[in-house]
Amino acid sequence: MKLLLFLLLPFILFAEVNKTKLINCYEIFEQRRASLEFLIDKISEEKQAFIALKDANMNLIKKREEKLNKKEAQIQQTLQKIENLKKQNEALLKKYQKILQEIKKTTNSKLIQSYAKMRAGNAAKILQEMDINHSLNILYQLSPKTLSKILSKMDSTKAAILSEKLQHFIPKGK
């Protein structure tokens, strides 16, 4: 029996040590579990804070996008107004250019008629003193008969120059 006891003693002691180790493991697991739960709670709080921050940022972004869209709409309206004004200005410009051409044509026509009715000598004196381009423009529009009378009354050098240039003259606006 003693022998049996002696043989069983190490097993009993070993079981007692394992029991103590087992109790220590449970304590360690419980401590570890508590720290893990604390970390999970902390992560959950941080996740909620992150979600709140993300929502706040999204709201801010939406507000800025709305502002940008409003500004863009205003800019588009302004551009449309500018485009309409540009078209109106172009139409007015064409209209005024047409009126100006008619006025020039009428004025030019009256001027040509005046030179045609003038005495050839007086017309020759005036045209000799004028700028050569203006003289050419007037002479170009006169009838050949009136032109020949005026050129015959001019200084021969000036008449030769005007005649030569008149051959190659292209009037403005034609």
Protein backbone atom coordinates (compact mmCIF):
# COMPACT_ATOMS: atom_id res chain seq x y z
CA MET A 1 0.00 0.00 0.00
CA LYS A 2 2.77 2.30 0.82
CA LEU A 3 4.23 1.44 -2.43
CA LEU A 4 1.03 2.22 -4.13
CA LEU A 5 0.80 5.46 -2.32
CA PHE A 6 4.34 6.21 -3.20
CA LEU A 7 3.59 5.58 -6.85
CA LEU A 8 0.40 7.56 -6.78
CA LEU A 9 1.90 10.52 -4.96
CA PRO A 10 3.58 12.01 -8.01
CA PHE A 11 0.32 11.72 -9.93
CA ILE A 12 -1.59 13.42 -7.14
CA LEU A 13 1.00 16.18 -6.92
CA PHE A 14 1.03 16.52 -10.64
CA ALA A 15 -2.78 16.80 -10.70
CA GLU A 16 -2.58 19.43 -7.93
CA VAL A 17 -0.01 21.46 -9.95
CA ASN A 18 -2.10 21.17 -13.10
CA LYS A 19 -5.14 22.31 -11.17
CA THR A 20 -3.22 25.39 -9.99
CA LYS A 21 -1.95 26.02 -13.48
CA LEU A 22 -5.45 25.62 -14.79
CA ILE A 23 -6.77 28.13 -12.28
CA ASN A 24 -3.97 30.51 -13.26
CA CYS A 25 -4.86 30.10 -16.96
CA TYR A 26 -8.47 30.93 -16.25
CA GLU A 27 -7.42 34.06 -14.40
CA ILE A 28 -5.14 35.07 -17.27
CA PHE A 29 -7.88 34.43 -19.81
CA GLU A 30 -10.34 36.47 -17.77
CA GLN A 31 -7.85 39.34 -17.54
CA ARG A 32 -7.09 39.11 -21.21
CA ARG A 33 -10.79 38.95 -22.00
CA ALA A 34 -11.42 42.11 -19.98
CA SER A 35 -8.62 43.98 -21.79
CA LEU A 36 -9.91 42.77 -25.16
CA GLU A 37 -13.43 43.92 -24.30
CA PHE A 38 -11.98 47.31 -23.31
CA LEU A 39 -10.18 47.53 -26.66
CA ILE A 40 -13.34 46.53 -28.51
CA ASP A 41 -15.28 49.28 -26.71
CA LYS A 42 -12.54 51.79 -27.53
CA ILE A 43 -12.53 50.75 -31.20
CA SER A 44 -16.32 50.99 -31.28
CA GLU A 45 -16.18 54.54 -29.87
CA GLU A 46 -13.51 55.52 -32.38
CA LYS A 47 -15.58 53.98 -35.18
CA GLN A 48 -18.61 56.03 -34.12
CA ALA A 49 -16.47 59.19 -33.94
CA PHE A 50 -15.09 58.42 -37.41
CA ILE A 51 -18.61 57.88 -38.81
CA ALA A 52 -19.75 61.18 -37.24
CA LEU A 53 -16.73 62.98 -38.75
CA LYS A 54 -17.36 61.35 -42.12
CA ASP A 55 -21.03 62.43 -42.04
CA ALA A 56 -20.04 65.97 -41.10
CA ASN A 57 -17.57 66.07 -43.99
CA MET A 58 -20.14 64.68 -46.41
CA ASN A 59 -22.64 67.35 -45.33
CA LEU A 60 -19.98 70.03 -45.78
CA ILE A 61 -19.11 68.67 -49.23
CA LYS A 62 -22.81 68.62 -50.21
CA LYS A 63 -23.23 72.24 -49.10
CA ARG A 64 -20.18 73.28 -51.08
CA GLU A 65 -21.41 71.39 -54.14
CA GLU A 66 -24.78 73.13 -53.86
CA LYS A 67 -23.01 76.50 -53.64
CA LEU A 68 -20.85 75.62 -56.64
CA ASN A 69 -23.90 74.50 -58.62
CA LYS A 70 -25.67 77.77 -57.83
CA LYS A 71 -22.59 79.77 -58.85
CA GLU A 72 -22.28 77.72 -62.03
CA ALA A 73 -25.94 78.37 -62.86
CA GLN A 74 -25.41 82.10 -62.27
CA ILE A 75 -22.33 82.06 -64.48
CA GLN A 76 -24.25 80.23 -67.21
CA GLN A 77 -27.03 82.81 -67.02
CA THR A 78 -24.49 85.62 -67.19
CA LEU A 79 -22.77 84.00 -70.16
CA GLN A 80 -26.13 83.62 -71.89
CA LYS A 81 -26.90 87.30 -71.28
CA ILE A 82 -23.47 88.26 -72.62
CA GLU A 83 -24.00 86.07 -75.68
CA ASN A 84 -27.41 87.69 -76.30
CA LEU A 85 -25.91 91.17 -75.90
CA LYS A 86 -23.11 90.21 -78.27
CA LYS A 87 -25.63 89.11 -80.89
CA GLN A 88 -27.63 92.30 -80.42
CA ASN A 89 -24.45 94.38 -80.72
CA GLU A 90 -23.43 92.55 -83.88
CA ALA A 91 -26.88 93.12 -85.38
CA LEU A 92 -26.71 96.82 -84.46
CA LEU A 93 -23.20 97.07 -85.86
CA LYS A 94 -24.32 95.57 -89.18
CA LYS A 95 -27.30 97.89 -89.24
CA TYR A 96 -25.17 100.97 -88.52
CA GLN A 97 -22.54 99.93 -91.05
CA LYS A 98 -25.23 99.59 -93.67
CA ILE A 99 -26.58 103.04 -92.78
CA LEU A 100 -23.05 104.47 -92.87
CA GLN A 101 -22.45 102.96 -96.32
CA GLU A 102 -25.69 104.48 -97.56
CA ILE A 103 -24.69 107.87 -96.14
CA LYS A 104 -21.24 107.63 -97.74
CA LYS A 105 -22.79 106.55 -101.01
CA THR A 106 -25.26 109.43 -100.92
CA THR A 107 -22.56 111.93 -99.92
CA ASN A 108 -20.19 110.54 -102.52
CA SER A 109 -22.91 110.63 -105.13
CA LYS A 110 -23.66 114.28 -104.35
CA LEU A 111 -19.96 115.12 -104.43
CA ILE A 112 -19.51 113.42 -107.79
CA GLN A 113 -22.55 115.23 -109.15
CA SER A 114 -21.10 118.52 -107.90
CA TYR A 115 -17.80 117.91 -109.70
CA ALA A 116 -19.66 116.81 -112.82
CA LYS A 117 -21.66 120.08 -112.85
CA MET A 118 -18.65 122.27 -112.05
CA ARG A 119 -16.65 123.99 -114.72
CA ALA A 120 -13.77 121.79 -115.83
CA GLY A 121 -11.12 124.41 -114.92
CA ASN A 122 -12.40 124.89 -111.38
CA ALA A 123 -12.74 121.15 -110.82
CA ALA A 124 -9.20 120.61 -112.18
CA LYS A 125 -7.74 123.19 -109.75
CA ILE A 126 -9.48 121.60 -106.76
CA LEU A 127 -8.59 118.02 -107.71
CA GLN A 128 -4.92 118.95 -108.28
CA GLU A 129 -4.65 120.24 -104.69
CA MET A 130 -6.43 117.25 -103.12
CA ASP A 131 -4.85 114.08 -101.79
CA ILE A 132 -4.19 111.80 -104.76
CA ASN A 133 -6.36 108.95 -103.43
CA HIS A 134 -9.36 111.26 -102.96
CA SER A 135 -8.81 112.71 -106.41
CA LEU A 136 -8.65 109.24 -107.95
CA ASN A 137 -11.83 108.19 -106.16
CA ILE A 138 -13.73 111.19 -107.53
CA LEU A 139 -12.29 110.94 -111.03
CA TYR A 140 -13.04 107.21 -111.17
CA GLN A 141 -16.75 107.87 -110.66
CA LEU A 142 -17.09 110.65 -113.26
CA SER A 143 -18.31 109.99 -116.76
CA PRO A 144 -15.56 109.69 -119.42
CA LYS A 145 -16.68 112.96 -121.06
CA THR A 146 -16.46 114.97 -117.79
CA LEU A 147 -13.22 113.21 -116.85
CA SER A 148 -11.56 114.19 -120.12
CA LYS A 149 -12.62 117.83 -119.74
CA ILE A 150 -11.21 118.04 -116.19
CA LEU A 151 -7.93 116.29 -117.07
CA SER A 152 -7.45 118.61 -120.05
CA LYS A 153 -7.62 121.64 -117.71
CA MET A 154 -5.05 120.21 -115.25
CA ASP A 155 -1.32 120.62 -115.23
CA SER A 156 0.00 118.04 -117.72
CA THR A 157 2.31 116.37 -115.19
CA LYS A 158 -0.44 116.01 -112.61
CA ALA A 159 -2.91 114.83 -115.27
CA ALA A 160 -0.40 112.20 -116.47
CA ILE A 161 0.14 110.91 -112.92
CA LEU A 162 -3.59 110.77 -112.22
CA SER A 163 -4.30 109.07 -115.57
CA GLU A 164 -1.64 106.45 -114.97
CA LYS A 165 -2.87 105.70 -111.46
CA LEU A 166 -6.49 105.74 -112.56
CA GLN A 167 -5.81 102.75 -114.83
CA HIS A 168 -4.88 100.59 -111.82
CA PHE A 169 -7.19 102.24 -109.30
CA ILE A 170 -9.52 100.04 -107.24
CA PRO A 171 -12.00 102.16 -105.31
CA LYS A 172 -12.50 101.50 -101.59
CA GLY A 173 -15.61 99.56 -100.67
CA LYS A 174 -15.97 97.86 -104.07
